[in-house]
Amino acid sequence: MDDADRAKAIADQKDQDALADHLSKTANSKPGRTHCADCGDEIPQRRREAIPNVQRCIDCQQLLEHWGPL
């Protein structure tokens, strides 16, 4: 096994660890909201399925990420 193989093995293990960490956090997290915590608009079902513990609609989330918490 050369250096490239070892580096790939380490990177693969880090990816697996990150995925396992994400899945455990998702499984143990509070349920997502049906309505945005900021504006009260309904959060679309597809967004709730994609982000299990979603708290905001896409518009409010983008504002939060751009401007930070108010």
PDB file of N, CA and C in Angstrom:
ATOM      1  N   MET A   1       0.851  -1.172   0.000  1.00  0.00           N
ATOM      2  CA  MET A   1       0.000   0.000   0.000  1.00  0.00           C
ATOM      3  C   MET A   1       0.901   1.241   0.000  1.00  0.00           C
ATOM      4  N   ASP A   2       0.687   2.121  -0.975  1.00  0.00           N
ATOM      5  CA  ASP A   2       1.512   3.334  -1.045  1.00  0.00           C
ATOM      6  C   ASP A   2       0.801   4.509  -0.358  1.00  0.00           C
ATOM      7  N   ASP A   3       1.451   5.664  -0.391  1.00  0.00           N
ATOM      8  CA  ASP A   3       0.912   6.844   0.299  1.00  0.00           C
ATOM      9  C   ASP A   3      -0.460   7.251  -0.230  1.00  0.00           C
ATOM     10  N   ALA A   4      -0.661   7.155  -1.530  1.00  0.00           N
ATOM     11  CA  ALA A   4      -1.951   7.532  -2.118  1.00  0.00           C
ATOM     12  C   ALA A   4      -3.063   6.614  -1.616  1.00  0.00           C
ATOM     13  N   ASP A   5      -2.773   5.320  -1.519  1.00  0.00           N
ATOM     14  CA  ASP A   5      -3.767   4.370  -1.012  1.00  0.00           C
ATOM     15  C   ASP A   5      -4.109   4.660   0.451  1.00  0.00           C
ATOM     16  N   ARG A   6      -3.093   4.958   1.252  1.00  0.00           N
ATOM     17  CA  ARG A   6      -3.327   5.277   2.660  1.00  0.00           C
ATOM     18  C   ARG A   6      -4.148   6.565   2.795  1.00  0.00           C
ATOM     19  N   ALA A   7      -3.820   7.561   1.987  1.00  0.00           N
ATOM     20  CA  ALA A   7      -4.565   8.821   2.029  1.00  0.00           C
ATOM     21  C   ALA A   7      -6.023   8.596   1.642  1.00  0.00           C
ATOM     22  N   LYS A   8      -6.260   7.780   0.624  1.00  0.00           N
ATOM     23  CA  LYS A   8      -7.634   7.479   0.205  1.00  0.00           C
ATOM     24  C   LYS A   8      -8.374   6.736   1.302  1.00  0.00           C
ATOM     25  N   ALA A   9      -7.719   5.793   1.947  1.00  0.00           N
ATOM     26  CA  ALA A   9      -8.359   5.041   3.030  1.00  0.00           C
ATOM     27  C   ALA A   9      -8.740   5.971   4.182  1.00  0.00           C
ATOM     28  N   ILE A  10      -7.865   6.902   4.513  1.00  0.00           N
ATOM     29  CA  ILE A  10      -8.157   7.861   5.586  1.00  0.00           C
ATOM     30  C   ILE A  10      -9.329   8.758   5.191  1.00  0.00           C
ATOM     31  N   ALA A  11      -9.324   9.245   3.960  1.00  0.00           N
ATOM     32  CA  ALA A  11     -10.414  10.103   3.482  1.00  0.00           C
ATOM     33  C   ALA A  11     -11.737   9.346   3.475  1.00  0.00           C
ATOM     34  N   ASP A  12     -11.713   8.095   3.029  1.00  0.00           N
ATOM     35  CA  ASP A  12     -12.930   7.281   3.021  1.00  0.00           C
ATOM     36  C   ASP A  12     -13.466   7.079   4.433  1.00  0.00           C
ATOM     37  N   GLN A  13     -12.573   6.829   5.387  1.00  0.00           N
ATOM     38  CA  GLN A  13     -12.999   6.633   6.773  1.00  0.00           C
ATOM     39  C   GLN A  13     -13.607   7.914   7.344  1.00  0.00           C
ATOM     40  N   LYS A  14     -13.003   9.055   7.027  1.00  0.00           N
ATOM     41  CA  LYS A  14     -13.552  10.335   7.499  1.00  0.00           C
ATOM     42  C   LYS A  14     -14.945  10.570   6.918  1.00  0.00           C
ATOM     43  N   ASP A  15     -15.134  10.227   5.637  1.00  0.00           N
ATOM     44  CA  ASP A  15     -16.453  10.367   5.012  1.00  0.00           C
ATOM     45  C   ASP A  15     -17.478   9.477   5.710  1.00  0.00           C
ATOM     46  N   GLN A  16     -17.092   8.235   5.997  1.00  0.00           N
ATOM     47  CA  GLN A  16     -18.001   7.304   6.670  1.00  0.00           C
ATOM     48  C   GLN A  16     -18.347   7.799   8.076  1.00  0.00           C
ATOM     49  N   ASP A  17     -17.351   8.317   8.787  1.00  0.00           N
ATOM     50  CA  ASP A  17     -17.589   8.849  10.133  1.00  0.00           C
ATOM     51  C   ASP A  17     -18.531  10.049  10.095  1.00  0.00           C
ATOM     52  N   ALA A  18     -18.327  10.937   9.121  1.00  0.00           N
ATOM     53  CA  ALA A  18     -19.180  12.121   8.996  1.00  0.00           C
ATOM     54  C   ALA A  18     -20.617  11.719   8.676  1.00  0.00           C
ATOM     55  N   LEU A  19     -20.789  10.744   7.796  1.00  0.00           N
ATOM     56  CA  LEU A  19     -22.128  10.272   7.449  1.00  0.00           C
ATOM     57  C   LEU A  19     -22.804   9.639   8.661  1.00  0.00           C
ATOM     58  N   ALA A  20     -22.083   8.807   9.392  1.00  0.00           N
ATOM     59  CA  ALA A  20     -22.648   8.175  10.585  1.00  0.00           C
ATOM     60  C   ALA A  20     -23.041   9.227  11.621  1.00  0.00           C
ATOM     61  N   ASP A  21     -22.208  10.240  11.788  1.00  0.00           N
ATOM     62  CA  ASP A  21     -22.506  11.321  12.728  1.00  0.00           C
ATOM     63  C   ASP A  21     -23.772  12.066  12.303  1.00  0.00           C
ATOM     64  N   HIS A  22     -23.865  12.375  11.024  1.00  0.00           N
ATOM     65  CA  HIS A  22     -25.043  13.077  10.505  1.00  0.00           C
ATOM     66  C   HIS A  22     -26.307  12.240  10.707  1.00  0.00           C
ATOM     67  N   LEU A  23     -26.232  10.957  10.402  1.00  0.00           N
ATOM     68  CA  LEU A  23     -27.406  10.098  10.538  1.00  0.00           C
ATOM     69  C   LEU A  23     -27.843   9.971  11.991  1.00  0.00           C
ATOM     70  N   SER A  24     -26.892   9.893  12.913  1.00  0.00           N
ATOM     71  CA  SER A  24     -27.271   9.786  14.324  1.00  0.00           C
ATOM     72  C   SER A  24     -27.898  11.089  14.813  1.00  0.00           C
ATOM     73  N   LYS A  25     -27.387  12.229  14.366  1.00  0.00           N
ATOM     74  CA  LYS A  25     -27.973  13.509  14.758  1.00  0.00           C
ATOM     75  C   LYS A  25     -29.377  13.655  14.184  1.00  0.00           C
ATOM     76  N   THR A  26     -29.558  13.218  12.953  1.00  0.00           N
ATOM     77  CA  THR A  26     -30.865  13.307  12.307  1.00  0.00           C
ATOM     78  C   THR A  26     -31.870  12.409  13.012  1.00  0.00           C
ATOM     79  N   ALA A  27     -31.441  11.209  13.372  1.00  0.00           N
ATOM     80  CA  ALA A  27     -32.344  10.264  14.026  1.00  0.00           C
ATOM     81  C   ALA A  27     -32.754  10.748  15.411  1.00  0.00           C
ATOM     82  N   ASN A  28     -31.876  11.471  16.089  1.00  0.00           N
ATOM     83  CA  ASN A  28     -32.141  11.915  17.457  1.00  0.00           C
ATOM     84  C   ASN A  28     -32.628  13.356  17.544  1.00  0.00           C
ATOM     85  N   SER A  29     -32.855  13.991  16.409  1.00  0.00           N
ATOM     86  CA  SER A  29     -33.229  15.405  16.432  1.00  0.00           C
ATOM     87  C   SER A  29     -34.732  15.570  16.590  1.00  0.00           C
ATOM     88  N   LYS A  30     -35.116  16.778  16.964  1.00  0.00           N
ATOM     89  CA  LYS A  30     -36.536  17.068  17.107  1.00  0.00           C
ATOM     90  C   LYS A  30     -37.185  17.062  15.731  1.00  0.00           C
ATOM     91  N   PRO A  31     -38.480  16.773  15.670  1.00  0.00           N
ATOM     92  CA  PRO A  31     -39.141  16.741  14.365  1.00  0.00           C
ATOM     93  C   PRO A  31     -39.173  18.127  13.732  1.00  0.00           C
ATOM     94  N   GLY A  32     -39.166  18.136  12.425  1.00  0.00           N
ATOM     95  CA  GLY A  32     -39.222  19.400  11.709  1.00  0.00           C
ATOM     96  C   GLY A  32     -40.582  20.061  11.862  1.00  0.00           C
ATOM     97  N   ARG A  33     -40.605  21.321  11.534  1.00  0.00           N
ATOM     98  CA  ARG A  33     -41.832  22.106  11.637  1.00  0.00           C
ATOM     99  C   ARG A  33     -42.618  22.010  10.335  1.00  0.00           C
ATOM    100  N   THR A  34     -43.902  22.196  10.422  1.00  0.00           N
ATOM    101  CA  THR A  34     -44.725  22.282   9.217  1.00  0.00           C
ATOM    102  C   THR A  34     -44.829  23.726   8.745  1.00  0.00           C
ATOM    103  N   HIS A  35     -44.570  24.666   9.680  1.00  0.00           N
ATOM    104  CA  HIS A  35     -44.616  26.094   9.355  1.00  0.00           C
ATOM    105  C   HIS A  35     -43.335  26.764   9.836  1.00  0.00           C
ATOM    106  N   CYS A  36     -42.889  27.742   9.093  1.00  0.00           N
ATOM    107  CA  CYS A  36     -41.636  28.451   9.361  1.00  0.00           C
ATOM    108  C   CYS A  36     -41.643  29.101  10.745  1.00  0.00           C
ATOM    109  N   ALA A  37     -40.532  28.940  11.465  1.00  0.00           N
ATOM    110  CA  ALA A  37     -40.394  29.529  12.800  1.00  0.00           C
ATOM    111  C   ALA A  37     -40.320  31.050  12.743  1.00  0.00           C
ATOM    112  N   ASP A  38     -39.943  31.605  11.597  1.00  0.00           N
ATOM    113  CA  ASP A  38     -39.782  33.054  11.486  1.00  0.00           C
ATOM    114  C   ASP A  38     -41.009  33.750  10.903  1.00  0.00           C
ATOM    115  N   CYS A  39     -41.486  33.283   9.761  1.00  0.00           N
ATOM    116  CA  CYS A  39     -42.584  33.997   9.087  1.00  0.00           C
ATOM    117  C   CYS A  39     -43.938  33.307   9.219  1.00  0.00           C
ATOM    118  N   GLY A  40     -43.944  32.032   9.596  1.00  0.00           N
ATOM    119  CA  GLY A  40     -45.198  31.311   9.764  1.00  0.00           C
ATOM    120  C   GLY A  40     -45.743  30.667   8.508  1.00  0.00           C
ATOM    121  N   ASP A  41     -45.095  30.899   7.360  1.00  0.00           N
ATOM    122  CA  ASP A  41     -45.553  30.260   6.123  1.00  0.00           C
ATOM    123  C   ASP A  41     -45.344  28.750   6.208  1.00  0.00           C
ATOM    124  N   GLU A  42     -46.171  28.017   5.473  1.00  0.00           N
ATOM    125  CA  GLU A  42     -46.027  26.565   5.444  1.00  0.00           C
ATOM    126  C   GLU A  42     -44.715  26.180   4.757  1.00  0.00           C
ATOM    127  N   ILE A  43     -44.028  25.198   5.322  1.00  0.00           N
ATOM    128  CA  ILE A  43     -42.800  24.673   4.721  1.00  0.00           C
ATOM    129  C   ILE A  43     -43.215  23.527   3.804  1.00  0.00           C
ATOM    130  N   PRO A  44     -42.851  23.583   2.517  1.00  0.00           N
ATOM    131  CA  PRO A  44     -43.261  22.537   1.583  1.00  0.00           C
ATOM    132  C   PRO A  44     -42.813  21.138   2.036  1.00  0.00           C
ATOM    133  N   GLN A  45     -43.660  20.161   1.758  1.00  0.00           N
ATOM    134  CA  GLN A  45     -43.398  18.774   2.142  1.00  0.00           C
ATOM    135  C   GLN A  45     -42.039  18.293   1.637  1.00  0.00           C
ATOM    136  N   ARG A  46     -41.688  18.622   0.411  1.00  0.00           N
ATOM    137  CA  ARG A  46     -40.404  18.159  -0.145  1.00  0.00           C
ATOM    138  C   ARG A  46     -39.229  18.702   0.662  1.00  0.00           C
ATOM    139  N   ARG A  47     -39.332  19.940   1.143  1.00  0.00           N
ATOM    140  CA  ARG A  47     -38.263  20.505   1.980  1.00  0.00           C
ATOM    141  C   ARG A  47     -38.215  19.790   3.328  1.00  0.00           C
ATOM    142  N   ARG A  48     -39.373  19.499   3.900  1.00  0.00           N
ATOM    143  CA  ARG A  48     -39.416  18.788   5.184  1.00  0.00           C
ATOM    144  C   ARG A  48     -38.842  17.387   5.056  1.00  0.00           C
ATOM    145  N   GLU A  49     -39.051  16.746   3.918  1.00  0.00           N
ATOM    146  CA  GLU A  49     -38.492  15.407   3.701  1.00  0.00           C
ATOM    147  C   GLU A  49     -36.982  15.467   3.494  1.00  0.00           C
ATOM    148  N   ALA A  50     -36.516  16.489   2.796  1.00  0.00           N
ATOM    149  CA  ALA A  50     -35.085  16.616   2.499  1.00  0.00           C
ATOM    150  C   ALA A  50     -34.282  17.017   3.730  1.00  0.00           C
ATOM    151  N   ILE A  51     -34.899  17.799   4.624  1.00  0.00           N
ATOM    152  CA  ILE A  51     -34.219  18.299   5.826  1.00  0.00           C
ATOM    153  C   ILE A  51     -35.098  17.929   7.017  1.00  0.00           C
ATOM    154  N   PRO A  52     -34.846  16.762   7.628  1.00  0.00           N
ATOM    155  CA  PRO A  52     -35.756  16.228   8.641  1.00  0.00           C
ATOM    156  C   PRO A  52     -36.075  17.159   9.812  1.00  0.00           C
ATOM    157  N   ASN A  53     -35.161  17.990  10.256  1.00  0.00           N
ATOM    158  CA  ASN A  53     -35.459  18.867  11.396  1.00  0.00           C
ATOM    159  C   ASN A  53     -35.537  20.333  10.971  1.00  0.00           C
ATOM    160  N   VAL A  54     -36.051  20.554   9.782  1.00  0.00           N
ATOM    161  CA  VAL A  54     -36.141  21.905   9.226  1.00  0.00           C
ATOM    162  C   VAL A  54     -36.964  22.811  10.147  1.00  0.00           C
ATOM    163  N   GLN A  55     -36.521  24.054  10.269  1.00  0.00           N
ATOM    164  CA  GLN A  55     -37.195  25.018  11.134  1.00  0.00           C
ATOM    165  C   GLN A  55     -37.703  26.236  10.372  1.00  0.00           C
ATOM    166  N   ARG A  56     -37.158  26.475   9.164  1.00  0.00           N
ATOM    167  CA  ARG A  56     -37.505  27.680   8.411  1.00  0.00           C
ATOM    168  C   ARG A  56     -37.822  27.351   6.952  1.00  0.00           C
ATOM    169  N   CYS A  57     -38.635  28.209   6.339  1.00  0.00           N
ATOM    170  CA  CYS A  57     -38.862  28.114   4.897  1.00  0.00           C
ATOM    171  C   CYS A  57     -37.563  28.519   4.191  1.00  0.00           C
ATOM    172  N   ILE A  58     -37.474  28.247   2.924  1.00  0.00           N
ATOM    173  CA  ILE A  58     -36.234  28.517   2.186  1.00  0.00           C
ATOM    174  C   ILE A  58     -35.903  30.004   2.181  1.00  0.00           C
ATOM    175  N   ASP A  59     -36.903  30.862   2.053  1.00  0.00           N
ATOM    176  CA  ASP A  59     -36.638  32.305   2.025  1.00  0.00           C
ATOM    177  C   ASP A  59     -36.040  32.790   3.347  1.00  0.00           C
ATOM    178  N   CYS A  60     -36.643  32.392   4.457  1.00  0.00           N
ATOM    179  CA  CYS A  60     -36.126  32.820   5.765  1.00  0.00           C
ATOM    180  C   CYS A  60     -34.759  32.202   6.047  1.00  0.00           C
ATOM    181  N   GLN A  61     -34.537  30.961   5.618  1.00  0.00           N
ATOM    182  CA  GLN A  61     -33.237  30.329   5.827  1.00  0.00           C
ATOM    183  C   GLN A  61     -32.159  31.057   5.039  1.00  0.00           C
ATOM    184  N   GLN A  62     -32.474  31.444   3.802  1.00  0.00           N
ATOM    185  CA  GLN A  62     -31.499  32.189   2.998  1.00  0.00           C
ATOM    186  C   GLN A  62     -31.186  33.543   3.630  1.00  0.00           C
ATOM    187  N   LEU A  63     -32.200  34.223   4.144  1.00  0.00           N
ATOM    188  CA  LEU A  63     -31.965  35.501   4.828  1.00  0.00           C
ATOM    189  C   LEU A  63     -31.077  35.303   6.055  1.00  0.00           C
ATOM    190  N   LEU A  64     -31.352  34.256   6.827  1.00  0.00           N
ATOM    191  CA  LEU A  64     -30.553  33.967   8.016  1.00  0.00           C
ATOM    192  C   LEU A  64     -29.098  33.698   7.648  1.00  0.00           C
ATOM    193  N   GLU A  65     -28.881  32.906   6.596  1.00  0.00           N
ATOM    194  CA  GLU A  65     -27.517  32.577   6.189  1.00  0.00           C
ATOM    195  C   GLU A  65     -26.789  33.791   5.630  1.00  0.00           C
ATOM    196  N   HIS A  66     -27.524  34.687   4.985  1.00  0.00           N
ATOM    197  CA  HIS A  66     -26.892  35.868   4.398  1.00  0.00           C
ATOM    198  C   HIS A  66     -26.605  36.938   5.447  1.00  0.00           C
ATOM    199  N   TRP A  67     -27.590  37.255   6.274  1.00  0.00           N
ATOM    200  CA  TRP A  67     -27.482  38.366   7.218  1.00  0.00           C
ATOM    201  C   TRP A  67     -27.143  37.935   8.641  1.00  0.00           C
ATOM    202  N   GLY A  68     -27.331  36.656   8.949  1.00  0.00           N
ATOM    203  CA  GLY A  68     -27.126  36.187  10.317  1.00  0.00           C
ATOM    204  C   GLY A  68     -28.364  36.447  11.154  1.00  0.00           C
ATOM    205  N   PRO A  69     -28.358  35.981  12.401  1.00  0.00           N
ATOM    206  CA  PRO A  69     -29.534  36.193  13.252  1.00  0.00           C
ATOM    207  C   PRO A  69     -29.756  37.677  13.526  1.00  0.00           C
ATOM    208  N   LEU A  70     -30.995  38.065  13.552  1.00  0.00           N
ATOM    209  CA  LEU A  70     -31.327  39.474  13.809  1.00  0.00           C
ATOM    210  C   LEU A  70     -31.489  39.739  15.282  1.00  0.00           C
TER     211      LEU A  70
END
